[in-house]
C-alpha atoms as a PDB file:
ATOM      1  CA  UNK A   1     169.674 157.423  23.996  1.00  0.00           C
ATOM      2  CA  UNK A   2     173.117 158.287  26.037  1.00  0.00           C
ATOM      3  CA  UNK A   3     175.607 157.027  23.479  1.00  0.00           C
ATOM      4  CA  UNK A   4     173.400 159.417  20.724  1.00  0.00           C
ATOM      5  CA  UNK A   5     174.421 162.169  23.463  1.00  0.00           C
ATOM      6  CA  UNK A   6     177.656 161.009  23.526  1.00  0.00           C
ATOM      7  CA  UNK A   7     178.329 161.384  19.712  1.00  0.00           C
ATOM      8  CA  UNK A   8     176.705 164.614  19.682  1.00  0.00           C
ATOM      9  CA  UNK A   9     179.057 166.293  22.638  1.00  0.00           C
ATOM     10  CA  UNK A  10     181.856 164.670  20.395  1.00  0.00           C
ATOM     11  CA  UNK A  11     180.716 166.605  17.458  1.00  0.00           C
ATOM     12  CA  UNK A  12     179.796 169.546  19.066  1.00  0.00           C
ATOM     13  CA  UNK A  13     183.620 169.409  20.914  1.00  0.00           C
ATOM     14  CA  UNK A  14     184.991 168.877  17.384  1.00  0.00           C
ATOM     15  CA  UNK A  15     183.452 171.593  15.779  1.00  0.00           C
ATOM     16  CA  UNK A  16     184.428 173.883  18.511  1.00  0.00           C
ATOM     17  CA  UNK A  17     187.934 173.133  18.157  1.00  0.00           C
ATOM     18  CA  UNK A  18     188.053 173.351  14.970  1.00  0.00           C
ATOM     19  CA  UNK A  19     186.171 176.668  14.789  1.00  0.00           C
ATOM     20  CA  UNK A  20     189.020 177.891  17.700  1.00  0.00           C
ATOM     21  CA  UNK A  21     191.961 177.078  15.482  1.00  0.00           C
ATOM     22  CA  UNK A  22     190.468 178.718  12.406  1.00  0.00           C
ATOM     23  CA  UNK A  23     190.548 181.924  14.586  1.00  0.00           C
ATOM     24  CA  UNK A  24     193.711 181.617  15.698  1.00  0.00           C
ATOM     25  CA  UNK A  25     194.994 181.032  11.804  1.00  0.00           C
ATOM     26  CA  UNK A  26     193.030 183.766  10.413  1.00  0.00           C
ATOM     27  CA  UNK A  27     195.097 186.318  13.280  1.00  0.00           C
ATOM     28  CA  UNK A  28     198.508 184.877  12.027  1.00  0.00           C
ATOM     29  CA  UNK A  29     197.107 184.880   8.246  1.00  0.00           C
ATOM     30  CA  UNK A  30     196.093 188.012   8.551  1.00  0.00           C
ATOM     31  CA  UNK A  31     199.401 189.409   9.552  1.00  0.00           C
ATOM     32  CA  UNK A  32     200.975 188.008   6.493  1.00  0.00           C
ATOM     33  CA  UNK A  33     202.043 184.531   8.838  1.00  0.00           C
ATOM     34  CA  UNK A  34     202.550 181.219   7.506  1.00  0.00           C
ATOM     35  CA  UNK A  35     200.493 178.504   8.640  1.00  0.00           C
ATOM     36  CA  UNK A  36     200.963 174.314   9.137  1.00  0.00           C
ATOM     37  CA  UNK A  37     198.006 172.857   7.953  1.00  0.00           C
ATOM     38  CA  UNK A  38     195.755 169.772   7.315  1.00  0.00           C
ATOM     39  CA  UNK A  39     193.964 170.050   3.699  1.00  0.00           C
ATOM     40  CA  UNK A  40     191.683 167.325   1.981  1.00  0.00           C
ATOM     41  CA  UNK A  41     194.896 165.262   0.692  1.00  0.00           C
ATOM     42  CA  UNK A  42     198.263 165.764   2.614  1.00  0.00           C
ATOM     43  CA  UNK A  43     199.573 168.480   5.080  1.00  0.00           C
ATOM     44  CA  UNK A  44     200.102 172.296   3.685  1.00  0.00           C
ATOM     45  CA  UNK A  45     202.409 175.778   4.204  1.00  0.00           C
ATOM     46  CA  UNK A  46     198.945 178.028   3.928  1.00  0.00           C
ATOM     47  CA  UNK A  47     199.291 181.887   3.464  1.00  0.00           C
ATOM     48  CA  UNK A  48     196.803 184.612   2.156  1.00  0.00           C
ATOM     49  CA  UNK A  49     197.650 183.761  -1.562  1.00  0.00           C
ATOM     50  CA  UNK A  50     196.903 187.832  -1.918  1.00  0.00           C
ATOM     51  CA  UNK A  51     199.739 188.768  -0.123  1.00  0.00           C
ATOM     52  CA  UNK A  52     202.771 188.925  -2.101  1.00  0.00           C
ATOM     53  CA  UNK A  53     205.254 188.963   0.959  1.00  0.00           C
ATOM     54  CA  UNK A  54     203.778 185.926   2.240  1.00  0.00           C
ATOM     55  CA  UNK A  55     204.053 183.754  -0.780  1.00  0.00           C
ATOM     56  CA  UNK A  56     207.731 184.436  -0.976  1.00  0.00           C
ATOM     57  CA  UNK A  57     208.606 183.402   2.477  1.00  0.00           C
ATOM     58  CA  UNK A  58     206.737 180.162   1.664  1.00  0.00           C
ATOM     59  CA  UNK A  59     208.919 179.726  -1.616  1.00  0.00           C
ATOM     60  CA  UNK A  60     212.219 180.443   0.521  1.00  0.00           C
ATOM     61  CA  UNK A  61     210.717 177.979   3.567  1.00  0.00           C
ATOM     62  CA  UNK A  62     210.592 175.522   0.562  1.00  0.00           C
ATOM     63  CA  UNK A  63     213.433 176.720  -0.598  1.00  0.00           C
ATOM     64  CA  UNK A  64     211.777 176.274  -4.224  1.00  0.00           C
ATOM     65  CA  UNK A  65     211.871 178.745  -7.520  1.00  0.00           C
ATOM     66  CA  UNK A  66     209.035 180.817  -7.602  1.00  0.00           C
ATOM     67  CA  UNK A  67     208.675 179.874 -11.423  1.00  0.00           C
ATOM     68  CA  UNK A  68     207.037 176.922  -9.771  1.00  0.00           C
ATOM     69  CA  UNK A  69     203.385 177.597  -8.885  1.00  0.00           C
ATOM     70  CA  UNK A  70     201.806 177.019  -6.128  1.00  0.00           C
ATOM     71  CA  UNK A  71     198.301 176.059  -5.371  1.00  0.00           C
ATOM     72  CA  UNK A  72     195.966 177.801  -3.833  1.00  0.00           C
ATOM     73  CA  UNK A  73     192.416 176.545  -1.743  1.00  0.00           C
ATOM     74  CA  UNK A  74     188.759 178.362  -1.367  1.00  0.00           C
ATOM     75  CA  UNK A  75     185.608 176.813   0.389  1.00  0.00           C
ATOM     76  CA  UNK A  76     183.254 179.229  -1.959  1.00  0.00           C
ATOM     77  CA  UNK A  77     182.850 178.373  -5.505  1.00  0.00           C
ATOM     78  CA  UNK A  78     181.288 181.757  -5.687  1.00  0.00           C
ATOM     79  CA  UNK A  79     183.987 183.367  -4.685  1.00  0.00           C
ATOM     80  CA  UNK A  80     186.163 181.799  -7.825  1.00  0.00           C
ATOM     81  CA  UNK A  81     184.245 184.246 -10.583  1.00  0.00           C
ATOM     82  CA  UNK A  82     185.874 187.190  -8.650  1.00  0.00           C
ATOM     83  CA  UNK A  83     189.405 185.641  -8.994  1.00  0.00           C
ATOM     84  CA  UNK A  84     189.232 184.181 -12.527  1.00  0.00           C
ATOM     85  CA  UNK A  85     187.795 186.272 -15.638  1.00  0.00           C
ATOM     86  CA  UNK A  86     185.706 183.958 -17.363  1.00  0.00           C
ATOM     87  CA  UNK A  87     186.101 180.757 -16.181  1.00  0.00           C
ATOM     88  CA  UNK A  88     185.427 177.789 -18.197  1.00  0.00           C
ATOM     89  CA  UNK A  89     182.257 176.003 -18.014  1.00  0.00           C
ATOM     90  CA  UNK A  90     183.938 172.698 -18.562  1.00  0.00           C
ATOM     91  CA  UNK A  91     185.180 173.638 -14.875  1.00  0.00           C
ATOM     92  CA  UNK A  92     182.238 173.683 -13.277  1.00  0.00           C
ATOM     93  CA  UNK A  93     181.349 170.513 -15.011  1.00  0.00           C
ATOM     94  CA  UNK A  94     184.595 168.630 -13.290  1.00  0.00           C
ATOM     95  CA  UNK A  95     183.953 170.167 -10.100  1.00  0.00           C
ATOM     96  CA  UNK A  96     180.345 168.834 -10.256  1.00  0.00           C
ATOM     97  CA  UNK A  97     181.067 165.014 -11.025  1.00  0.00           C
ATOM     98  CA  UNK A  98     184.160 164.983  -9.332  1.00  0.00           C
ATOM     99  CA  UNK A  99     183.886 162.352  -5.899  1.00  0.00           C
ATOM    100  CA  UNK A 100     187.612 163.026  -4.536  1.00  0.00           C
ATOM    101  CA  UNK A 101     189.872 166.414  -4.657  1.00  0.00           C
ATOM    102  CA  UNK A 102     190.376 167.729  -7.521  1.00  0.00           C
ATOM    103  CA  UNK A 103     192.993 170.775  -8.909  1.00  0.00           C
ATOM    104  CA  UNK A 104     191.542 172.961 -11.911  1.00  0.00           C
ATOM    105  CA  UNK A 105     194.519 174.966 -13.303  1.00  0.00           C
ATOM    106  CA  UNK A 106     192.341 177.440 -14.716  1.00  0.00           C
ATOM    107  CA  UNK A 107     193.321 180.720 -17.097  1.00  0.00           C
ATOM    108  CA  UNK A 108     192.894 184.656 -16.359  1.00  0.00           C
ATOM    109  CA  UNK A 109     193.594 184.665 -13.165  1.00  0.00           C
ATOM    110  CA  UNK A 110     193.579 187.356 -11.331  1.00  0.00           C
ATOM    111  CA  UNK A 111     193.743 189.480  -7.401  1.00  0.00           C
ATOM    112  CA  UNK A 112     196.426 187.028  -6.863  1.00  0.00           C
ATOM    113  CA  UNK A 113     199.483 187.544  -5.417  1.00  0.00           C
ATOM    114  CA  UNK A 114     201.686 187.827  -8.941  1.00  0.00           C
ATOM    115  CA  UNK A 115     204.039 185.148  -7.633  1.00  0.00           C
ATOM    116  CA  UNK A 116     201.215 183.004  -7.631  1.00  0.00           C
ATOM    117  CA  UNK A 117     200.563 183.461 -10.952  1.00  0.00           C
ATOM    118  CA  UNK A 118     201.840 181.630 -13.709  1.00  0.00           C
ATOM    119  CA  UNK A 119     203.384 182.854 -17.287  1.00  0.00           C
ATOM    120  CA  UNK A 120     200.482 182.388 -19.227  1.00  0.00           C
ATOM    121  CA  UNK A 121     198.053 183.808 -16.709  1.00  0.00           C
ATOM    122  CA  UNK A 122     196.848 180.381 -14.805  1.00  0.00           C
ATOM    123  CA  UNK A 123     196.643 179.519 -11.006  1.00  0.00           C
ATOM    124  CA  UNK A 124     195.187 176.260  -9.952  1.00  0.00           C
ATOM    125  CA  UNK A 125     192.853 176.542  -7.917  1.00  0.00           C
ATOM    126  CA  UNK A 126     190.567 173.539  -5.648  1.00  0.00           C
ATOM    127  CA  UNK A 127     187.638 173.375  -3.548  1.00  0.00           C
ATOM    128  CA  UNK A 128     188.046 172.127  -0.366  1.00  0.00           C
ATOM    129  CA  UNK A 129     185.039 170.010   1.334  1.00  0.00           C
ATOM    130  CA  UNK A 130     187.706 169.264   4.489  1.00  0.00           C
ATOM    131  CA  UNK A 131     186.646 170.420   7.709  1.00  0.00           C
ATOM    132  CA  UNK A 132     189.984 172.464   9.294  1.00  0.00           C
ATOM    133  CA  UNK A 133     191.110 173.900   5.832  1.00  0.00           C
ATOM    134  CA  UNK A 134     187.544 174.462   5.292  1.00  0.00           C
ATOM    135  CA  UNK A 135     186.821 176.865   8.239  1.00  0.00           C
ATOM    136  CA  UNK A 136     190.523 178.455   7.262  1.00  0.00           C
ATOM    137  CA  UNK A 137     189.577 179.254   4.337  1.00  0.00           C
ATOM    138  CA  UNK A 138     185.995 180.451   5.186  1.00  0.00           C
ATOM    139  CA  UNK A 139     187.179 182.825   8.086  1.00  0.00           C
ATOM    140  CA  UNK A 140     189.622 184.486   6.185  1.00  0.00           C
ATOM    141  CA  UNK A 141     187.654 185.073   2.972  1.00  0.00           C
ATOM    142  CA  UNK A 142     190.013 184.857   0.567  1.00  0.00           C
ATOM    143  CA  UNK A 143     191.912 182.395  -1.139  1.00  0.00           C
ATOM    144  CA  UNK A 144     194.676 179.947   0.499  1.00  0.00           C
ATOM    145  CA  UNK A 145     197.604 179.035  -0.453  1.00  0.00           C
ATOM    146  CA  UNK A 146     198.112 175.525  -0.836  1.00  0.00           C
ATOM    147  CA  UNK A 147     201.900 173.876  -1.354  1.00  0.00           C
ATOM    148  CA  UNK A 148     203.467 169.803   0.279  1.00  0.00           C
ATOM    149  CA  UNK A 149     205.035 170.590   3.351  1.00  0.00           C
ATOM    150  CA  UNK A 150     208.334 169.703   2.678  1.00  0.00           C
ATOM    151  CA  UNK A 151     211.713 171.119   1.422  1.00  0.00           C
ATOM    152  CA  UNK A 152     211.669 171.161  -3.126  1.00  0.00           C
ATOM    153  CA  UNK A 153     212.864 167.922  -4.769  1.00  0.00           C
ATOM    154  CA  UNK A 154     212.096 165.768  -1.243  1.00  0.00           C
ATOM    155  CA  UNK A 155     209.656 163.641  -0.696  1.00  0.00           C
ATOM    156  CA  UNK A 156     206.435 164.959  -0.021  1.00  0.00           C
ATOM    157  CA  UNK A 157     205.405 164.533   3.788  1.00  0.00           C
ATOM    158  CA  UNK A 158     202.639 162.364   3.556  1.00  0.00           C
ATOM    159  CA  UNK A 159     201.575 162.464   7.560  1.00  0.00           C
ATOM    160  CA  UNK A 160     202.176 164.890  10.280  1.00  0.00           C
ATOM    161  CA  UNK A 161     205.036 162.802  11.586  1.00  0.00           C
ATOM    162  CA  UNK A 162     207.088 163.050   8.271  1.00  0.00           C
ATOM    163  CA  UNK A 163     207.024 166.703   8.262  1.00  0.00           C
ATOM    164  CA  UNK A 164     211.061 167.614   9.116  1.00  0.00           C
ATOM    165  CA  UNK A 165     211.638 169.696  11.599  1.00  0.00           C
ATOM    166  CA  UNK A 166     212.827 172.321   9.807  1.00  0.00           C
ATOM    167  CA  UNK A 167     209.570 172.907   8.106  1.00  0.00           C
ATOM    168  CA  UNK A 168     207.492 173.057  11.581  1.00  0.00           C
ATOM    169  CA  UNK A 169     209.804 175.494  12.829  1.00  0.00           C
ATOM    170  CA  UNK A 170     210.200 178.171   9.950  1.00  0.00           C
ATOM    171  CA  UNK A 171     206.348 178.247  10.089  1.00  0.00           C
ATOM    172  CA  UNK A 172     204.405 181.090  12.382  1.00  0.00           C
ATOM    173  CA  UNK A 173     201.483 178.589  13.640  1.00  0.00           C
ATOM    174  CA  UNK A 174     200.851 174.708  13.649  1.00  0.00           C
ATOM    175  CA  UNK A 175     197.333 173.524  13.543  1.00  0.00           C
ATOM    176  CA  UNK A 176     197.035 171.360  16.507  1.00  0.00           C
ATOM    177  CA  UNK A 177     194.618 168.893  14.991  1.00  0.00           C
ATOM    178  CA  UNK A 178     194.295 165.701  12.778  1.00  0.00           C
ATOM    179  CA  UNK A 179     198.138 165.390  13.910  1.00  0.00           C
ATOM    180  CA  UNK A 180     198.148 161.909  15.304  1.00  0.00           C
ATOM    181  CA  UNK A 181     196.870 160.509  11.766  1.00  0.00           C
ATOM    182  CA  UNK A 182     198.624 157.677  10.073  1.00  0.00           C
ATOM    183  CA  UNK A 183     196.929 157.046   7.017  1.00  0.00           C
ATOM    184  CA  UNK A 184     198.351 158.173   3.420  1.00  0.00           C
ATOM    185  CA  UNK A 185     196.320 160.338   1.760  1.00  0.00           C
ATOM    186  CA  UNK A 186     196.881 160.669  -2.375  1.00  0.00           C
ATOM    187  CA  UNK A 187     197.104 163.676  -3.661  1.00  0.00           C
ATOM    188  CA  UNK A 188     194.569 165.603  -5.736  1.00  0.00           C
ATOM    189  CA  UNK A 189     194.005 165.022  -9.199  1.00  0.00           C
ATOM    190  CA  UNK A 190     195.234 168.180 -11.511  1.00  0.00           C
ATOM    191  CA  UNK A 191     193.796 169.268 -14.600  1.00  0.00           C
ATOM    192  CA  UNK A 192     194.375 171.827 -17.218  1.00  0.00           C
ATOM    193  CA  UNK A 193     191.217 173.320 -18.064  1.00  0.00           C
ATOM    194  CA  UNK A 194     190.840 175.999 -21.370  1.00  0.00           C
ATOM    195  CA  UNK A 195     188.454 177.616 -23.345  1.00  0.00           C
ATOM    196  CA  UNK A 196     186.085 175.374 -25.905  1.00  0.00           C
ATOM    197  CA  UNK A 197     186.066 173.040 -23.524  1.00  0.00           C
ATOM    198  CA  UNK A 198     189.728 171.983 -23.761  1.00  0.00           C
ATOM    199  CA  UNK A 199     191.438 170.108 -21.303  1.00  0.00           C
ATOM    200  CA  UNK A 200     194.262 168.400 -20.597  1.00  0.00           C
ATOM    201  CA  UNK A 201     194.667 165.997 -17.217  1.00  0.00           C
ATOM    202  CA  UNK A 202     198.333 166.367 -15.984  1.00  0.00           C
ATOM    203  CA  UNK A 203     197.495 164.017 -13.060  1.00  0.00           C
END
């Protein structure tokens, strides 16, 4: 019984920590700030995906051309219809059977910051089930930009410790959770999804 209670206490404390962090991150995001946060894959740079100025800040931080689109995270499948017109049915089928993180590049993106949308009108989107990024998305109630926390052209930082000081100093808020993890996560799969059941596996 005592061990059971200790487990419950630990879970409760973790839940409170995540809730607090999500609220702190939200306060930064709603002001157009940029955060550094853990995702269901690697650590990412994030901002409100509808805020053009914030999105351009991330491009500047990464020294990346805005012709190279960044993906977004959402916690709620129900919000995807709002941000994409006529989502191909194949997209839902892929998400239903996915057992690991998968990013789908979908057509007819709308309501996003213009520089997030590729020339063909698509945006990459992933439904996150990771606790911290999910809580932040829930609090923001908008898609959250997610791009690797590195200067463009440099290797992707697979742990918090591997992220450069330049990146850390450039953001407005750093999530104070999961920083000590040393496991090396795999990147998400990336699949382009078109109409009529067309798909193309990119990674």
